Protein backbone atom coordinates (compact mmCIF):
# COMPACT_ATOMS: atom_id res chain seq x y z
CA MET A 1 147.35 44.44 19.98
CA TYR A 2 150.37 43.03 21.48
CA VAL A 3 152.27 45.32 19.20
CA ASP A 4 150.31 48.52 20.29
CA ALA A 5 150.73 47.66 24.23
CA VAL A 6 154.46 47.14 23.86
CA LEU A 7 155.02 50.37 21.93
CA ARG A 8 152.92 52.32 24.20
CA TYR A 9 155.14 50.70 27.19
CA LYS A 10 158.44 50.44 26.05
CA GLY A 11 158.48 53.26 23.54
CA LYS A 12 159.45 53.18 19.65
CA GLU A 13 163.38 52.65 20.31
CA ALA A 14 165.11 50.92 17.84
CA GLU A 15 165.76 47.82 20.29
CA THR A 16 161.86 47.47 20.86
CA THR A 17 160.80 47.66 17.14
CA LYS A 18 163.69 45.01 16.00
CA THR A 19 162.39 42.46 18.96
CA LEU A 20 158.80 43.03 17.80
CA GLN A 21 159.86 42.52 14.09
CA LYS A 22 161.37 39.42 15.06
CA HIS A 23 158.27 38.01 16.85
CA LEU A 24 156.24 39.12 13.93
CA ASN A 25 158.79 37.37 11.43
CA HIS A 26 157.95 34.27 13.35
CA PHE A 27 154.50 34.38 11.89
CA SER A 28 155.32 34.70 8.42
CA GLU A 29 156.55 31.22 8.32
CA LEU A 30 152.95 30.23 9.24
CA PHE A 31 151.85 31.44 5.65
CA TYR A 32 153.65 28.08 4.16
CA ASP A 33 153.28 25.40 6.93
CA HIS A 34 149.41 25.19 7.15
CA GLY A 35 147.61 27.03 4.39
CA ILE A 36 149.25 28.77 1.95
CA GLY A 37 148.61 32.59 2.33
CA TYR A 38 146.72 32.27 5.47
CA ILE A 39 147.00 31.45 9.38
CA SER A 40 145.38 28.82 11.03
CA GLU A 41 143.06 29.53 13.92
CA ILE A 42 145.47 28.48 16.95
CA CYS A 43 148.85 27.22 17.38
CA GLU A 44 150.25 24.28 19.75
CA GLY A 45 151.61 25.68 23.08
CA ASP A 46 154.44 23.53 23.04
CA GLU A 47 157.59 23.75 20.66
CA PRO A 48 157.25 23.58 17.75
CA HIS A 49 154.23 25.43 17.89
CA HIS A 50 152.53 23.53 15.23
CA PRO A 51 148.97 25.03 13.56
CA ASN A 52 145.91 23.72 14.77
CA GLY A 53 142.28 24.40 14.47
CA THR A 54 140.46 26.05 11.55
CA LEU A 55 142.92 26.18 8.64
CA VAL A 56 142.04 29.70 7.44
CA TYR A 57 141.02 32.22 10.30
CA ASN A 58 140.94 35.55 8.54
CA LEU A 59 140.82 37.51 12.13
CA ASN A 60 144.21 36.31 12.72
CA LEU A 61 145.58 37.38 9.39
CA ILE A 62 144.04 40.49 9.84
CA GLU A 63 145.36 41.22 13.14
CA LEU A 64 149.16 40.20 11.86
CA LEU A 65 148.56 42.44 9.02
CA ARG A 66 147.57 45.55 11.33
CA ALA A 67 150.61 44.60 13.72
CA TYR A 68 153.16 44.79 10.79
CA TYR A 69 151.45 48.18 9.49
CA THR A 70 151.58 49.66 13.02
CA LEU A 71 155.05 48.55 13.44
CA GLU A 72 156.07 50.09 10.05
CA LYS A 73 154.36 53.26 10.91
CA ALA A 74 156.00 53.50 14.14
CA THR A 75 159.56 52.97 12.72
CA ALA A 76 158.89 55.51 9.49
CA LYS A 77 157.85 58.25 12.06
CA LYS A 78 161.08 57.49 14.01
CA SER A 79 163.25 57.77 10.91
CA ASN A 80 161.57 60.79 9.66
CA LYS A 81 162.35 62.95 12.99
CA ILE A 82 166.04 61.99 12.12
CA LYS A 83 166.05 63.56 8.51
């Protein structure tokens, strides 16, 4: 939902999509930290944001995959317009 909101508010400019990609890439590190191939329920609020709570929380994983898909679709539409 965060990716959707940012894209609606700021548009699908290259700088915006790069920033969103950077934020999403941080989450990919979590795939190997707490449960291989999964994301835990919550992360601690203070640095270094250690995973906590339920080891496997599918709603977070599904939302992260949806965010990647939404961002990929936004960047693909922009590159198709250039061609």
